[in-house]
């Protein structure tokens, strides 16, 4: 079940096109896989996602959307830690970055999946 604080925060930020897309996917999905237990220190998140943004740009032709807004917001953040929420619908993954209290939205990444199927890290994609 998606944290109600996260849903409220997303609703407050629906002017962001990626957030609006995420909310639309959530409303249409028959099943959503949610994980909201990820978190790390701000500097670790910045270091990780600067590298991921470079890989996305150089190797993936920019297939993951949202880095252009996420990285500046993280670099401007004053908080000490970031909470990462993963939302998986059948065709996309959304990574939502908030402060630890889920009061401030730093950004959102939208990744297409290789197949319109559920992904299991051990078994791969469901057929």
C-alpha atoms as a PDB file:
ATOM      1  CA  UNK A   1       0.000   0.000   0.000  1.00  0.00           C
ATOM      2  CA  UNK A   2       1.327   3.412  -0.939  1.00  0.00           C
ATOM      3  CA  UNK A   3       2.072   5.704   1.983  1.00  0.00           C
ATOM      4  CA  UNK A   4      -0.766   8.249   2.279  1.00  0.00           C
ATOM      5  CA  UNK A   5       1.747  11.038   2.932  1.00  0.00           C
ATOM      6  CA  UNK A   6       3.393  10.262  -0.395  1.00  0.00           C
ATOM      7  CA  UNK A   7       0.056  10.295  -2.231  1.00  0.00           C
ATOM      8  CA  UNK A   8      -0.778  13.669  -0.653  1.00  0.00           C
ATOM      9  CA  UNK A   9       2.629  15.060  -1.642  1.00  0.00           C
ATOM     10  CA  UNK A  10       2.240  13.818  -5.209  1.00  0.00           C
ATOM     11  CA  UNK A  11      -1.240  15.340  -5.420  1.00  0.00           C
ATOM     12  CA  UNK A  12       0.126  18.688  -4.214  1.00  0.00           C
ATOM     13  CA  UNK A  13       2.770  18.565  -6.985  1.00  0.00           C
ATOM     14  CA  UNK A  14       0.604  17.405  -9.879  1.00  0.00           C
ATOM     15  CA  UNK A  15       1.667  20.480 -11.924  1.00  0.00           C
ATOM     16  CA  UNK A  16       4.909  18.575 -12.564  1.00  0.00           C
ATOM     17  CA  UNK A  17       4.274  16.519 -15.745  1.00  0.00           C
ATOM     18  CA  UNK A  18       6.075  13.424 -14.423  1.00  0.00           C
ATOM     19  CA  UNK A  19       4.116  13.559 -11.180  1.00  0.00           C
ATOM     20  CA  UNK A  20       0.858  13.934 -13.135  1.00  0.00           C
ATOM     21  CA  UNK A  21       1.839  10.958 -15.290  1.00  0.00           C
ATOM     22  CA  UNK A  22       2.670   8.898 -12.195  1.00  0.00           C
ATOM     23  CA  UNK A  23      -0.677   9.754 -10.581  1.00  0.00           C
ATOM     24  CA  UNK A  24      -2.514   8.821 -13.785  1.00  0.00           C
ATOM     25  CA  UNK A  25      -0.685   5.480 -13.981  1.00  0.00           C
ATOM     26  CA  UNK A  26      -1.498   4.786 -10.323  1.00  0.00           C
ATOM     27  CA  UNK A  27      -5.182   5.582 -10.833  1.00  0.00           C
ATOM     28  CA  UNK A  28      -5.404   3.268 -13.866  1.00  0.00           C
ATOM     29  CA  UNK A  29      -3.309   0.400 -12.515  1.00  0.00           C
ATOM     30  CA  UNK A  30      -4.960  -2.747 -11.255  1.00  0.00           C
ATOM     31  CA  UNK A  31      -1.834  -3.488  -9.212  1.00  0.00           C
ATOM     32  CA  UNK A  32       0.999  -1.301  -7.951  1.00  0.00           C
ATOM     33  CA  UNK A  33       4.161  -2.533  -6.313  1.00  0.00           C
ATOM     34  CA  UNK A  34       5.382   0.007  -3.774  1.00  0.00           C
ATOM     35  CA  UNK A  35       8.532   0.149  -1.689  1.00  0.00           C
ATOM     36  CA  UNK A  36       9.171   3.141   0.507  1.00  0.00           C
ATOM     37  CA  UNK A  37      11.913   1.867   2.745  1.00  0.00           C
ATOM     38  CA  UNK A  38      14.909   3.193   0.822  1.00  0.00           C
ATOM     39  CA  UNK A  39      16.841   6.107   2.181  1.00  0.00           C
ATOM     40  CA  UNK A  40      20.353   7.481   2.333  1.00  0.00           C
ATOM     41  CA  UNK A  41      22.367  10.537   3.178  1.00  0.00           C
ATOM     42  CA  UNK A  42      21.886  13.394   0.713  1.00  0.00           C
ATOM     43  CA  UNK A  43      25.502  13.345  -0.506  1.00  0.00           C
ATOM     44  CA  UNK A  44      25.313   9.591  -1.237  1.00  0.00           C
ATOM     45  CA  UNK A  45      22.104  10.036  -3.244  1.00  0.00           C
ATOM     46  CA  UNK A  46      23.641  12.919  -5.210  1.00  0.00           C
ATOM     47  CA  UNK A  47      26.817  10.931  -5.970  1.00  0.00           C
ATOM     48  CA  UNK A  48      24.807   7.896  -7.090  1.00  0.00           C
ATOM     49  CA  UNK A  49      22.319   9.756  -9.256  1.00  0.00           C
ATOM     50  CA  UNK A  50      24.926  11.998 -10.915  1.00  0.00           C
ATOM     51  CA  UNK A  51      26.528   8.784 -12.205  1.00  0.00           C
ATOM     52  CA  UNK A  52      23.158   7.308 -13.161  1.00  0.00           C
ATOM     53  CA  UNK A  53      22.242  10.498 -15.035  1.00  0.00           C
ATOM     54  CA  UNK A  54      25.495  10.289 -17.002  1.00  0.00           C
ATOM     55  CA  UNK A  55      24.859   6.625 -17.851  1.00  0.00           C
ATOM     56  CA  UNK A  56      21.284   7.478 -18.842  1.00  0.00           C
ATOM     57  CA  UNK A  57      22.529  10.238 -21.129  1.00  0.00           C
ATOM     58  CA  UNK A  58      25.497   8.445 -22.669  1.00  0.00           C
ATOM     59  CA  UNK A  59      24.335   4.834 -22.906  1.00  0.00           C
ATOM     60  CA  UNK A  60      20.545   4.880 -22.677  1.00  0.00           C
ATOM     61  CA  UNK A  61      19.815   7.874 -24.920  1.00  0.00           C
ATOM     62  CA  UNK A  62      17.946   9.640 -22.123  1.00  0.00           C
ATOM     63  CA  UNK A  63      15.285   6.948 -21.745  1.00  0.00           C
ATOM     64  CA  UNK A  64      14.879   7.702 -18.017  1.00  0.00           C
ATOM     65  CA  UNK A  65      13.019  10.999 -17.569  1.00  0.00           C
ATOM     66  CA  UNK A  66      13.430  13.452 -14.704  1.00  0.00           C
ATOM     67  CA  UNK A  67      17.165  13.790 -14.079  1.00  0.00           C
ATOM     68  CA  UNK A  68      17.169  17.397 -15.346  1.00  0.00           C
ATOM     69  CA  UNK A  69      14.925  18.501 -12.460  1.00  0.00           C
ATOM     70  CA  UNK A  70      16.010  15.980  -9.809  1.00  0.00           C
ATOM     71  CA  UNK A  71      19.728  16.702  -9.614  1.00  0.00           C
ATOM     72  CA  UNK A  72      19.482  20.501  -9.141  1.00  0.00           C
ATOM     73  CA  UNK A  73      16.772  20.006  -6.496  1.00  0.00           C
ATOM     74  CA  UNK A  74      18.914  17.500  -4.595  1.00  0.00           C
ATOM     75  CA  UNK A  75      21.960  19.766  -4.782  1.00  0.00           C
ATOM     76  CA  UNK A  76      19.879  22.668  -3.396  1.00  0.00           C
ATOM     77  CA  UNK A  77      18.328  20.566  -0.604  1.00  0.00           C
ATOM     78  CA  UNK A  78      19.306  21.424   2.943  1.00  0.00           C
ATOM     79  CA  UNK A  79      18.165  18.117   4.458  1.00  0.00           C
ATOM     80  CA  UNK A  80      20.567  15.488   5.680  1.00  0.00           C
ATOM     81  CA  UNK A  81      18.781  12.468   4.210  1.00  0.00           C
ATOM     82  CA  UNK A  82      16.568  11.491   1.315  1.00  0.00           C
ATOM     83  CA  UNK A  83      13.842   8.879   1.203  1.00  0.00           C
ATOM     84  CA  UNK A  84      13.447   6.984  -2.077  1.00  0.00           C
ATOM     85  CA  UNK A  85      10.063   5.495  -2.966  1.00  0.00           C
ATOM     86  CA  UNK A  86       9.757   2.929  -5.732  1.00  0.00           C
ATOM     87  CA  UNK A  87       6.434   2.579  -7.540  1.00  0.00           C
ATOM     88  CA  UNK A  88       6.154  -0.139 -10.160  1.00  0.00           C
ATOM     89  CA  UNK A  89       3.235  -0.440 -12.530  1.00  0.00           C
ATOM     90  CA  UNK A  90       3.182  -2.949 -15.368  1.00  0.00           C
ATOM     91  CA  UNK A  91       4.869  -0.685 -17.943  1.00  0.00           C
ATOM     92  CA  UNK A  92       6.949   1.791 -15.877  1.00  0.00           C
ATOM     93  CA  UNK A  93       8.923   2.363 -12.721  1.00  0.00           C
ATOM     94  CA  UNK A  94       8.762   5.653 -10.853  1.00  0.00           C
ATOM     95  CA  UNK A  95      11.407   6.603  -8.307  1.00  0.00           C
ATOM     96  CA  UNK A  96      10.148   9.405  -6.066  1.00  0.00           C
ATOM     97  CA  UNK A  97      12.655  11.337  -3.957  1.00  0.00           C
ATOM     98  CA  UNK A  98      11.412  13.057  -0.807  1.00  0.00           C
ATOM     99  CA  UNK A  99      12.804  14.268   2.470  1.00  0.00           C
ATOM    100  CA  UNK A 100      12.704  11.787   5.359  1.00  0.00           C
ATOM    101  CA  UNK A 101       9.351  13.113   6.641  1.00  0.00           C
ATOM    102  CA  UNK A 102       7.779  12.929   3.151  1.00  0.00           C
ATOM    103  CA  UNK A 103       6.922  16.626   3.286  1.00  0.00           C
ATOM    104  CA  UNK A 104       9.128  17.881   0.438  1.00  0.00           C
ATOM    105  CA  UNK A 105       9.365  16.428  -3.069  1.00  0.00           C
ATOM    106  CA  UNK A 106      12.854  16.663  -4.586  1.00  0.00           C
ATOM    107  CA  UNK A 107      12.015  14.957  -7.851  1.00  0.00           C
ATOM    108  CA  UNK A 108      10.772  11.927  -9.707  1.00  0.00           C
ATOM    109  CA  UNK A 109      12.300   9.607 -12.285  1.00  0.00           C
ATOM    110  CA  UNK A 110      10.257   7.653 -14.817  1.00  0.00           C
ATOM    111  CA  UNK A 111      11.781   4.529 -16.339  1.00  0.00           C
ATOM    112  CA  UNK A 112      10.172   2.392 -19.013  1.00  0.00           C
ATOM    113  CA  UNK A 113      10.348  -1.340 -18.475  1.00  0.00           C
ATOM    114  CA  UNK A 114      11.690  -3.682 -21.148  1.00  0.00           C
ATOM    115  CA  UNK A 115       8.420  -5.594 -21.155  1.00  0.00           C
ATOM    116  CA  UNK A 116       4.906  -4.765 -20.025  1.00  0.00           C
ATOM    117  CA  UNK A 117       5.155  -7.385 -17.278  1.00  0.00           C
ATOM    118  CA  UNK A 118       6.087  -7.598 -13.616  1.00  0.00           C
ATOM    119  CA  UNK A 119       9.770  -7.881 -12.817  1.00  0.00           C
ATOM    120  CA  UNK A 120      11.195 -10.207 -10.180  1.00  0.00           C
ATOM    121  CA  UNK A 121      14.861  -9.536  -9.309  1.00  0.00           C
ATOM    122  CA  UNK A 122      15.538 -13.286  -8.986  1.00  0.00           C
ATOM    123  CA  UNK A 123      13.442 -14.763 -11.808  1.00  0.00           C
ATOM    124  CA  UNK A 124      13.353 -11.816 -14.209  1.00  0.00           C
ATOM    125  CA  UNK A 125      10.179 -10.806 -16.000  1.00  0.00           C
ATOM    126  CA  UNK A 126       6.899 -12.670 -15.536  1.00  0.00           C
ATOM    127  CA  UNK A 127       5.658 -14.134 -18.778  1.00  0.00           C
END
